[in-house]
């Protein structure tokens, strides 16, 4: 059955996670998509054990789980593969409150760094002519729940860059302590090509605060951005996210490469004050 038409991207003023997220997803037509799904995979940004706004707030994920359950009987999976040099994903789930949330809400938890893999290939890719990715991420509707942040190598870390958590350290930890260190060789192209294989089906950015300088800390946006962004076009969502950080999407390699191929950075976004 073909997907119904949806707005590519919507931006709303942040009130609270439950109210604002529900309004966003209602206006995007998400209930029509969710009601047909048997499995929904929520991928937060849990790069390390630092709390929000470095990582996705667990209350954002709680609001999303509750919304999905109002509109679907799908089994919900909480999936992440952290990049931390010393901690494993299970420890980060516990430290940030996700393990307790999963127990409370009866969520399946998956460490993508340890999950069973599938190998795929794309001759048009230069960085990833073949790639190893967790099988589970192809088994349902994949939702990227990112945080609005600048990044030292990628310029921004938004919904598409959040997909780097899918890459297993067994294949992509090379010559560095970070569990995905192979990507440092060409961060922009690696983000784009990874999303050619598996882009998020629904992209969400928590822009209620925003990190203005660096993805692992530093100054927050002043004043706070005070927005939530969501859409079924991850390129449109990330282009909007870049704009909220004061950047032109054309200056960001992975968004520029994805434009016209994985979505449209020029798709009209609907803003609500």
C-alpha atoms as a PDB file:
ATOM      1  CA  UNK A   1       0.000   0.000   0.000  1.00  0.00           C
ATOM      2  CA  UNK A   2       1.548   3.361  -0.947  1.00  0.00           C
ATOM      3  CA  UNK A   3       2.232   5.911   1.770  1.00  0.00           C
ATOM      4  CA  UNK A   4      -0.176   8.873   1.920  1.00  0.00           C
ATOM      5  CA  UNK A   5       1.136  12.316   1.096  1.00  0.00           C
ATOM      6  CA  UNK A   6       2.607  14.279   3.969  1.00  0.00           C
ATOM      7  CA  UNK A   7       4.167  17.615   4.682  1.00  0.00           C
ATOM      8  CA  UNK A   8       7.945  17.184   4.233  1.00  0.00           C
ATOM      9  CA  UNK A   9       8.800  19.123   7.386  1.00  0.00           C
ATOM     10  CA  UNK A  10       7.097  20.980  10.201  1.00  0.00           C
ATOM     11  CA  UNK A  11       8.574  23.264  12.877  1.00  0.00           C
ATOM     12  CA  UNK A  12       6.710  24.151  16.068  1.00  0.00           C
ATOM     13  CA  UNK A  13       7.462  26.308  19.074  1.00  0.00           C
ATOM     14  CA  UNK A  14       8.373  24.086  22.011  1.00  0.00           C
ATOM     15  CA  UNK A  15       5.844  23.926  24.814  1.00  0.00           C
ATOM     16  CA  UNK A  16       6.532  20.518  26.318  1.00  0.00           C
ATOM     17  CA  UNK A  17       7.486  17.195  24.770  1.00  0.00           C
ATOM     18  CA  UNK A  18       4.090  15.531  24.952  1.00  0.00           C
ATOM     19  CA  UNK A  19       2.005  18.439  23.651  1.00  0.00           C
ATOM     20  CA  UNK A  20       4.378  19.760  20.992  1.00  0.00           C
ATOM     21  CA  UNK A  21       5.377  16.351  19.623  1.00  0.00           C
ATOM     22  CA  UNK A  22       1.764  15.226  19.364  1.00  0.00           C
ATOM     23  CA  UNK A  23       0.808  18.380  17.467  1.00  0.00           C
ATOM     24  CA  UNK A  24       3.773  17.956  15.123  1.00  0.00           C
ATOM     25  CA  UNK A  25       3.041  14.335  14.334  1.00  0.00           C
ATOM     26  CA  UNK A  26      -0.697  14.853  13.990  1.00  0.00           C
ATOM     27  CA  UNK A  27      -0.125  17.590  11.428  1.00  0.00           C
ATOM     28  CA  UNK A  28       2.396  15.462   9.555  1.00  0.00           C
ATOM     29  CA  UNK A  29      -0.174  12.690   9.139  1.00  0.00           C
ATOM     30  CA  UNK A  30       1.788  10.252  11.293  1.00  0.00           C
ATOM     31  CA  UNK A  31      -1.260   8.329  12.580  1.00  0.00           C
ATOM     32  CA  UNK A  32      -1.972   7.065   9.045  1.00  0.00           C
ATOM     33  CA  UNK A  33       1.565   5.705   8.818  1.00  0.00           C
ATOM     34  CA  UNK A  34       1.769   4.259  12.319  1.00  0.00           C
ATOM     35  CA  UNK A  35      -1.503   2.347  12.231  1.00  0.00           C
ATOM     36  CA  UNK A  36      -0.180  -0.024   9.563  1.00  0.00           C
ATOM     37  CA  UNK A  37       3.133  -0.784  11.297  1.00  0.00           C
ATOM     38  CA  UNK A  38       3.941  -3.885  13.307  1.00  0.00           C
ATOM     39  CA  UNK A  39       7.336  -2.670  14.505  1.00  0.00           C
ATOM     40  CA  UNK A  40       8.654   0.818  15.261  1.00  0.00           C
ATOM     41  CA  UNK A  41      12.353   1.395  15.954  1.00  0.00           C
ATOM     42  CA  UNK A  42      13.282   4.520  17.911  1.00  0.00           C
ATOM     43  CA  UNK A  43      16.909   5.612  17.470  1.00  0.00           C
ATOM     44  CA  UNK A  44      17.911   8.354  19.955  1.00  0.00           C
ATOM     45  CA  UNK A  45      21.290  10.088  19.938  1.00  0.00           C
ATOM     46  CA  UNK A  46      23.160   8.520  22.869  1.00  0.00           C
ATOM     47  CA  UNK A  47      26.711   9.125  21.701  1.00  0.00           C
ATOM     48  CA  UNK A  48      27.987   8.962  25.290  1.00  0.00           C
ATOM     49  CA  UNK A  49      26.697   9.189  28.857  1.00  0.00           C
ATOM     50  CA  UNK A  50      26.363  12.983  28.940  1.00  0.00           C
ATOM     51  CA  UNK A  51      22.846  14.215  29.696  1.00  0.00           C
ATOM     52  CA  UNK A  52      20.662  16.383  27.446  1.00  0.00           C
ATOM     53  CA  UNK A  53      21.366  18.524  25.403  1.00  0.00           C
ATOM     54  CA  UNK A  54      24.350  16.359  24.382  1.00  0.00           C
ATOM     55  CA  UNK A  55      22.083  13.318  24.184  1.00  0.00           C
ATOM     56  CA  UNK A  56      18.383  12.823  23.498  1.00  0.00           C
ATOM     57  CA  UNK A  57      16.218  13.554  26.529  1.00  0.00           C
ATOM     58  CA  UNK A  58      14.430  10.413  27.782  1.00  0.00           C
ATOM     59  CA  UNK A  59      11.244  12.447  28.205  1.00  0.00           C
ATOM     60  CA  UNK A  60      11.260  13.080  24.453  1.00  0.00           C
ATOM     61  CA  UNK A  61      11.378   9.337  23.886  1.00  0.00           C
ATOM     62  CA  UNK A  62       8.661   8.760  26.492  1.00  0.00           C
ATOM     63  CA  UNK A  63       6.402  11.213  24.654  1.00  0.00           C
ATOM     64  CA  UNK A  64       7.124   9.502  21.341  1.00  0.00           C
ATOM     65  CA  UNK A  65       6.412   6.017  22.717  1.00  0.00           C
ATOM     66  CA  UNK A  66       3.126   7.176  24.203  1.00  0.00           C
ATOM     67  CA  UNK A  67       2.154   8.799  20.906  1.00  0.00           C
ATOM     68  CA  UNK A  68       2.973   5.677  18.894  1.00  0.00           C
ATOM     69  CA  UNK A  69       0.899   3.554  21.246  1.00  0.00           C
ATOM     70  CA  UNK A  70      -2.100   5.825  20.877  1.00  0.00           C
ATOM     71  CA  UNK A  71      -2.061   5.202  17.126  1.00  0.00           C
ATOM     72  CA  UNK A  72      -0.572   1.746  16.656  1.00  0.00           C
ATOM     73  CA  UNK A  73      -0.251  -1.734  18.095  1.00  0.00           C
ATOM     74  CA  UNK A  74       3.323  -1.940  16.866  1.00  0.00           C
ATOM     75  CA  UNK A  75       6.066  -3.449  18.980  1.00  0.00           C
ATOM     76  CA  UNK A  76       8.438  -0.594  19.920  1.00  0.00           C
ATOM     77  CA  UNK A  77      12.193  -1.092  19.906  1.00  0.00           C
ATOM     78  CA  UNK A  78      14.677   1.300  21.503  1.00  0.00           C
ATOM     79  CA  UNK A  79      17.909   0.937  19.522  1.00  0.00           C
ATOM     80  CA  UNK A  80      21.309   2.598  19.763  1.00  0.00           C
ATOM     81  CA  UNK A  81      24.976   1.882  19.216  1.00  0.00           C
ATOM     82  CA  UNK A  82      27.008   4.362  21.225  1.00  0.00           C
ATOM     83  CA  UNK A  83      30.315   5.848  20.101  1.00  0.00           C
ATOM     84  CA  UNK A  84      31.889   6.216  23.564  1.00  0.00           C
ATOM     85  CA  UNK A  85      35.473   4.964  23.840  1.00  0.00           C
ATOM     86  CA  UNK A  86      35.066   3.367  27.271  1.00  0.00           C
ATOM     87  CA  UNK A  87      31.379   2.652  27.938  1.00  0.00           C
ATOM     88  CA  UNK A  88      29.151   0.166  26.184  1.00  0.00           C
ATOM     89  CA  UNK A  89      25.628   0.989  25.045  1.00  0.00           C
ATOM     90  CA  UNK A  90      24.005  -0.935  27.885  1.00  0.00           C
ATOM     91  CA  UNK A  91      25.806   1.182  30.463  1.00  0.00           C
ATOM     92  CA  UNK A  92      24.761   4.377  28.690  1.00  0.00           C
ATOM     93  CA  UNK A  93      21.146   3.169  28.527  1.00  0.00           C
ATOM     94  CA  UNK A  94      21.326   2.684  32.295  1.00  0.00           C
ATOM     95  CA  UNK A  95      23.163   5.928  33.128  1.00  0.00           C
ATOM     96  CA  UNK A  96      20.792   8.136  31.127  1.00  0.00           C
ATOM     97  CA  UNK A  97      17.589   6.538  32.420  1.00  0.00           C
ATOM     98  CA  UNK A  98      16.670   4.615  29.292  1.00  0.00           C
ATOM     99  CA  UNK A  99      16.907   1.187  30.894  1.00  0.00           C
ATOM    100  CA  UNK A 100      14.414   2.244  33.546  1.00  0.00           C
ATOM    101  CA  UNK A 101      12.198   3.815  30.869  1.00  0.00           C
ATOM    102  CA  UNK A 102      12.283   0.619  28.812  1.00  0.00           C
ATOM    103  CA  UNK A 103      11.281  -1.463  31.822  1.00  0.00           C
ATOM    104  CA  UNK A 104       8.473   0.910  32.730  1.00  0.00           C
ATOM    105  CA  UNK A 105       7.067   1.098  29.185  1.00  0.00           C
ATOM    106  CA  UNK A 106       7.851  -2.496  28.145  1.00  0.00           C
ATOM    107  CA  UNK A 107      10.217  -1.575  25.327  1.00  0.00           C
ATOM    108  CA  UNK A 108      12.584  -3.937  23.609  1.00  0.00           C
ATOM    109  CA  UNK A 109      16.167  -2.631  23.878  1.00  0.00           C
ATOM    110  CA  UNK A 110      18.799  -3.357  21.234  1.00  0.00           C
ATOM    111  CA  UNK A 111      22.506  -2.553  21.352  1.00  0.00           C
ATOM    112  CA  UNK A 112      23.217  -1.897  17.684  1.00  0.00           C
ATOM    113  CA  UNK A 113      26.958  -2.316  18.312  1.00  0.00           C
ATOM    114  CA  UNK A 114      26.314  -5.989  19.093  1.00  0.00           C
ATOM    115  CA  UNK A 115      23.352  -6.779  16.824  1.00  0.00           C
ATOM    116  CA  UNK A 116      23.265  -9.321  13.998  1.00  0.00           C
ATOM    117  CA  UNK A 117      24.398  -7.770  10.735  1.00  0.00           C
ATOM    118  CA  UNK A 118      23.447  -7.773   7.096  1.00  0.00           C
ATOM    119  CA  UNK A 119      25.870  -6.884   4.292  1.00  0.00           C
ATOM    120  CA  UNK A 120      24.656  -4.645   1.493  1.00  0.00           C
ATOM    121  CA  UNK A 121      26.321  -3.038  -1.493  1.00  0.00           C
ATOM    122  CA  UNK A 122      25.881  -0.006  -3.731  1.00  0.00           C
ATOM    123  CA  UNK A 123      28.342   0.495  -6.627  1.00  0.00           C
ATOM    124  CA  UNK A 124      27.603   4.231  -6.644  1.00  0.00           C
ATOM    125  CA  UNK A 125      29.066   4.622  -3.141  1.00  0.00           C
ATOM    126  CA  UNK A 126      32.761   5.463  -2.796  1.00  0.00           C
ATOM    127  CA  UNK A 127      33.151   5.340   0.977  1.00  0.00           C
ATOM    128  CA  UNK A 128      30.773   2.418   1.550  1.00  0.00           C
ATOM    129  CA  UNK A 129      30.689   0.355  -1.678  1.00  0.00           C
ATOM    130  CA  UNK A 130      29.617  -2.359   0.730  1.00  0.00           C
ATOM    131  CA  UNK A 131      28.366  -1.886   4.252  1.00  0.00           C
ATOM    132  CA  UNK A 132      27.475  -3.901   7.347  1.00  0.00           C
ATOM    133  CA  UNK A 133      24.360  -2.779   9.203  1.00  0.00           C
ATOM    134  CA  UNK A 134      22.136  -4.257  11.933  1.00  0.00           C
ATOM    135  CA  UNK A 135      19.358  -6.381  10.479  1.00  0.00           C
ATOM    136  CA  UNK A 136      16.890  -5.067  13.023  1.00  0.00           C
ATOM    137  CA  UNK A 137      17.037  -1.540  11.590  1.00  0.00           C
ATOM    138  CA  UNK A 138      15.394  -2.817   8.387  1.00  0.00           C
ATOM    139  CA  UNK A 139      12.586  -4.573  10.254  1.00  0.00           C
ATOM    140  CA  UNK A 140      10.231  -1.652  10.874  1.00  0.00           C
ATOM    141  CA  UNK A 141       9.611   2.080  10.796  1.00  0.00           C
ATOM    142  CA  UNK A 142      12.868   3.743  11.825  1.00  0.00           C
ATOM    143  CA  UNK A 143      12.594   7.045  13.724  1.00  0.00           C
ATOM    144  CA  UNK A 144      15.695   9.178  14.243  1.00  0.00           C
ATOM    145  CA  UNK A 145      15.326  11.290  17.402  1.00  0.00           C
ATOM    146  CA  UNK A 146      18.210  13.736  17.180  1.00  0.00           C
ATOM    147  CA  UNK A 147      19.342  16.750  19.182  1.00  0.00           C
ATOM    148  CA  UNK A 148      20.173  20.108  17.578  1.00  0.00           C
ATOM    149  CA  UNK A 149      23.985  20.396  17.739  1.00  0.00           C
ATOM    150  CA  UNK A 150      26.995  21.729  15.909  1.00  0.00           C
ATOM    151  CA  UNK A 151      29.714  19.176  15.179  1.00  0.00           C
ATOM    152  CA  UNK A 152      33.472  19.460  14.909  1.00  0.00           C
ATOM    153  CA  UNK A 153      33.754  17.349  11.729  1.00  0.00           C
ATOM    154  CA  UNK A 154      30.261  17.161  10.231  1.00  0.00           C
ATOM    155  CA  UNK A 155      29.386  20.818  11.029  1.00  0.00           C
ATOM    156  CA  UNK A 156      26.021  19.648  12.333  1.00  0.00           C
ATOM    157  CA  UNK A 157      24.736  16.488  13.935  1.00  0.00           C
ATOM    158  CA  UNK A 158      21.053  16.094  13.148  1.00  0.00           C
ATOM    159  CA  UNK A 159      18.724  13.336  11.948  1.00  0.00           C
ATOM    160  CA  UNK A 160      20.929  11.910   9.190  1.00  0.00           C
ATOM    161  CA  UNK A 161      24.146  11.973  11.181  1.00  0.00           C
ATOM    162  CA  UNK A 162      22.320  10.220  14.011  1.00  0.00           C
ATOM    163  CA  UNK A 163      22.265   7.161  11.748  1.00  0.00           C
ATOM    164  CA  UNK A 164      25.997   6.648  12.407  1.00  0.00           C
ATOM    165  CA  UNK A 165      24.952   4.793  15.530  1.00  0.00           C
ATOM    166  CA  UNK A 166      23.943   1.939  13.224  1.00  0.00           C
ATOM    167  CA  UNK A 167      27.542   1.197  12.245  1.00  0.00           C
ATOM    168  CA  UNK A 168      29.101  -1.741  14.146  1.00  0.00           C
ATOM    169  CA  UNK A 169      32.509  -1.210  15.818  1.00  0.00           C
ATOM    170  CA  UNK A 170      33.507  -4.675  14.626  1.00  0.00           C
ATOM    171  CA  UNK A 171      33.854  -3.169  11.148  1.00  0.00           C
ATOM    172  CA  UNK A 172      34.168   0.595  11.691  1.00  0.00           C
ATOM    173  CA  UNK A 173      36.419   1.139  14.702  1.00  0.00           C
ATOM    174  CA  UNK A 174      39.786   1.640  13.037  1.00  0.00           C
ATOM    175  CA  UNK A 175      42.799   3.457  14.414  1.00  0.00           C
ATOM    176  CA  UNK A 176      40.984   5.385  17.112  1.00  0.00           C
ATOM    177  CA  UNK A 177      39.211   5.018  20.437  1.00  0.00           C
ATOM    178  CA  UNK A 178      35.786   6.169  19.149  1.00  0.00           C
ATOM    179  CA  UNK A 179      33.687   3.156  18.215  1.00  0.00           C
ATOM    180  CA  UNK A 180      32.971   4.541  14.720  1.00  0.00           C
ATOM    181  CA  UNK A 181      36.453   5.995  14.086  1.00  0.00           C
ATOM    182  CA  UNK A 182      36.732   4.820  10.454  1.00  0.00           C
ATOM    183  CA  UNK A 183      34.289   7.572   9.502  1.00  0.00           C
ATOM    184  CA  UNK A 184      36.792  10.280  10.382  1.00  0.00           C
ATOM    185  CA  UNK A 185      38.442   9.645   7.016  1.00  0.00           C
ATOM    186  CA  UNK A 186      35.495  11.374   5.281  1.00  0.00           C
ATOM    187  CA  UNK A 187      32.718  12.280   7.664  1.00  0.00           C
ATOM    188  CA  UNK A 188      30.525  14.139   5.176  1.00  0.00           C
ATOM    189  CA  UNK A 189      30.481  11.419   2.538  1.00  0.00           C
ATOM    190  CA  UNK A 190      30.110   8.642   5.088  1.00  0.00           C
ATOM    191  CA  UNK A 191      26.945  10.242   6.480  1.00  0.00           C
ATOM    192  CA  UNK A 192      25.458  10.662   3.023  1.00  0.00           C
ATOM    193  CA  UNK A 193      26.309   7.158   1.836  1.00  0.00           C
ATOM    194  CA  UNK A 194      25.111   5.501   5.044  1.00  0.00           C
ATOM    195  CA  UNK A 195      21.759   7.203   4.549  1.00  0.00           C
ATOM    196  CA  UNK A 196      21.621   5.853   0.987  1.00  0.00           C
ATOM    197  CA  UNK A 197      21.475   2.419   2.609  1.00  0.00           C
ATOM    198  CA  UNK A 198      19.258   3.299   5.580  1.00  0.00           C
ATOM    199  CA  UNK A 199      17.795   6.740   6.068  1.00  0.00           C
ATOM    200  CA  UNK A 200      15.271   7.390   8.828  1.00  0.00           C
ATOM    201  CA  UNK A 201      11.643   6.957   7.831  1.00  0.00           C
ATOM    202  CA  UNK A 202      10.682   9.728  10.233  1.00  0.00           C
ATOM    203  CA  UNK A 203      13.151  12.394  11.379  1.00  0.00           C
ATOM    204  CA  UNK A 204      12.758  14.395  14.593  1.00  0.00           C
ATOM    205  CA  UNK A 205      15.078  17.067  15.991  1.00  0.00           C
ATOM    206  CA  UNK A 206      14.812  18.322  19.543  1.00  0.00           C
ATOM    207  CA  UNK A 207      15.756  21.979  19.078  1.00  0.00           C
ATOM    208  CA  UNK A 208      14.353  23.100  22.416  1.00  0.00           C
ATOM    209  CA  UNK A 209      17.860  24.164  23.505  1.00  0.00           C
ATOM    210  CA  UNK A 210      20.648  23.497  20.961  1.00  0.00           C
ATOM    211  CA  UNK A 211      24.425  23.224  21.270  1.00  0.00           C
ATOM    212  CA  UNK A 212      25.958  26.196  19.486  1.00  0.00           C
ATOM    213  CA  UNK A 213      29.610  25.141  19.183  1.00  0.00           C
ATOM    214  CA  UNK A 214      30.323  21.463  19.779  1.00  0.00           C
ATOM    215  CA  UNK A 215      28.435  18.184  19.866  1.00  0.00           C
ATOM    216  CA  UNK A 216      29.834  16.956  23.203  1.00  0.00           C
ATOM    217  CA  UNK A 217      29.368  20.110  25.259  1.00  0.00           C
ATOM    218  CA  UNK A 218      30.228  23.782  25.211  1.00  0.00           C
ATOM    219  CA  UNK A 219      27.879  26.711  24.943  1.00  0.00           C
ATOM    220  CA  UNK A 220      24.183  26.193  24.438  1.00  0.00           C
ATOM    221  CA  UNK A 221      22.282  28.355  21.972  1.00  0.00           C
ATOM    222  CA  UNK A 222      21.440  31.721  23.507  1.00  0.00           C
ATOM    223  CA  UNK A 223      18.577  32.230  23.623  1.00  0.00           C
ATOM    224  CA  UNK A 224      17.442  28.595  23.431  1.00  0.00           C
ATOM    225  CA  UNK A 225      16.073  27.773  19.978  1.00  0.00           C
ATOM    226  CA  UNK A 226      12.794  26.615  21.570  1.00  0.00           C
ATOM    227  CA  UNK A 227      11.583  24.483  18.636  1.00  0.00           C
ATOM    228  CA  UNK A 228      10.814  20.901  17.691  1.00  0.00           C
ATOM    229  CA  UNK A 229      11.286  19.817  14.065  1.00  0.00           C
ATOM    230  CA  UNK A 230       9.893  16.701  12.398  1.00  0.00           C
ATOM    231  CA  UNK A 231       9.187  15.305   8.953  1.00  0.00           C
ATOM    232  CA  UNK A 232       9.165  12.305   6.665  1.00  0.00           C
ATOM    233  CA  UNK A 233      11.929  13.852   4.543  1.00  0.00           C
ATOM    234  CA  UNK A 234      15.189  13.709   6.550  1.00  0.00           C
ATOM    235  CA  UNK A 235      16.974  16.022   4.109  1.00  0.00           C
ATOM    236  CA  UNK A 236      14.328  18.716   4.566  1.00  0.00           C
ATOM    237  CA  UNK A 237      14.410  18.253   8.336  1.00  0.00           C
ATOM    238  CA  UNK A 238      18.205  18.528   8.492  1.00  0.00           C
ATOM    239  CA  UNK A 239      18.228  21.581   6.226  1.00  0.00           C
ATOM    240  CA  UNK A 240      15.827  23.271   8.635  1.00  0.00           C
ATOM    241  CA  UNK A 241      17.976  22.162  11.569  1.00  0.00           C
ATOM    242  CA  UNK A 242      21.062  23.680   9.970  1.00  0.00           C
ATOM    243  CA  UNK A 243      19.152  26.930   9.510  1.00  0.00           C
ATOM    244  CA  UNK A 244      18.195  26.976  13.190  1.00  0.00           C
ATOM    245  CA  UNK A 245      21.931  26.880  13.950  1.00  0.00           C
ATOM    246  CA  UNK A 246      22.507  29.815  11.590  1.00  0.00           C
ATOM    247  CA  UNK A 247      24.004  27.710   8.789  1.00  0.00           C
ATOM    248  CA  UNK A 248      23.149  27.425   5.095  1.00  0.00           C
ATOM    249  CA  UNK A 249      22.540  23.769   4.238  1.00  0.00           C
ATOM    250  CA  UNK A 250      24.560  24.227   1.028  1.00  0.00           C
ATOM    251  CA  UNK A 251      27.680  24.634   3.158  1.00  0.00           C
ATOM    252  CA  UNK A 252      27.202  21.201   4.763  1.00  0.00           C
ATOM    253  CA  UNK A 253      28.535  18.399   2.609  1.00  0.00           C
ATOM    254  CA  UNK A 254      26.241  15.534   3.593  1.00  0.00           C
ATOM    255  CA  UNK A 255      23.065  17.626   3.271  1.00  0.00           C
ATOM    256  CA  UNK A 256      24.231  19.011  -0.066  1.00  0.00           C
ATOM    257  CA  UNK A 257      24.995  15.498  -1.386  1.00  0.00           C
ATOM    258  CA  UNK A 258      21.657  14.144  -0.132  1.00  0.00           C
ATOM    259  CA  UNK A 259      19.629  16.979  -1.666  1.00  0.00           C
ATOM    260  CA  UNK A 260      17.772  15.739  -4.745  1.00  0.00           C
ATOM    261  CA  UNK A 261      18.756  12.130  -4.010  1.00  0.00           C
ATOM    262  CA  UNK A 262      17.430  11.234  -0.577  1.00  0.00           C
ATOM    263  CA  UNK A 263      15.017  14.135  -0.218  1.00  0.00           C
ATOM    264  CA  UNK A 264      14.826  17.849  -0.826  1.00  0.00           C
ATOM    265  CA  UNK A 265      16.625  20.471   1.238  1.00  0.00           C
ATOM    266  CA  UNK A 266      14.443  23.028  -0.536  1.00  0.00           C
ATOM    267  CA  UNK A 267      11.138  21.375   0.356  1.00  0.00           C
ATOM    268  CA  UNK A 268       8.820  23.925   1.934  1.00  0.00           C
ATOM    269  CA  UNK A 269       8.761  23.735   5.705  1.00  0.00           C
ATOM    270  CA  UNK A 270       5.751  24.857   7.695  1.00  0.00           C
ATOM    271  CA  UNK A 271       6.603  27.044  10.696  1.00  0.00           C
ATOM    272  CA  UNK A 272       4.364  27.863  13.617  1.00  0.00           C
ATOM    273  CA  UNK A 273       5.383  30.683  15.973  1.00  0.00           C
END
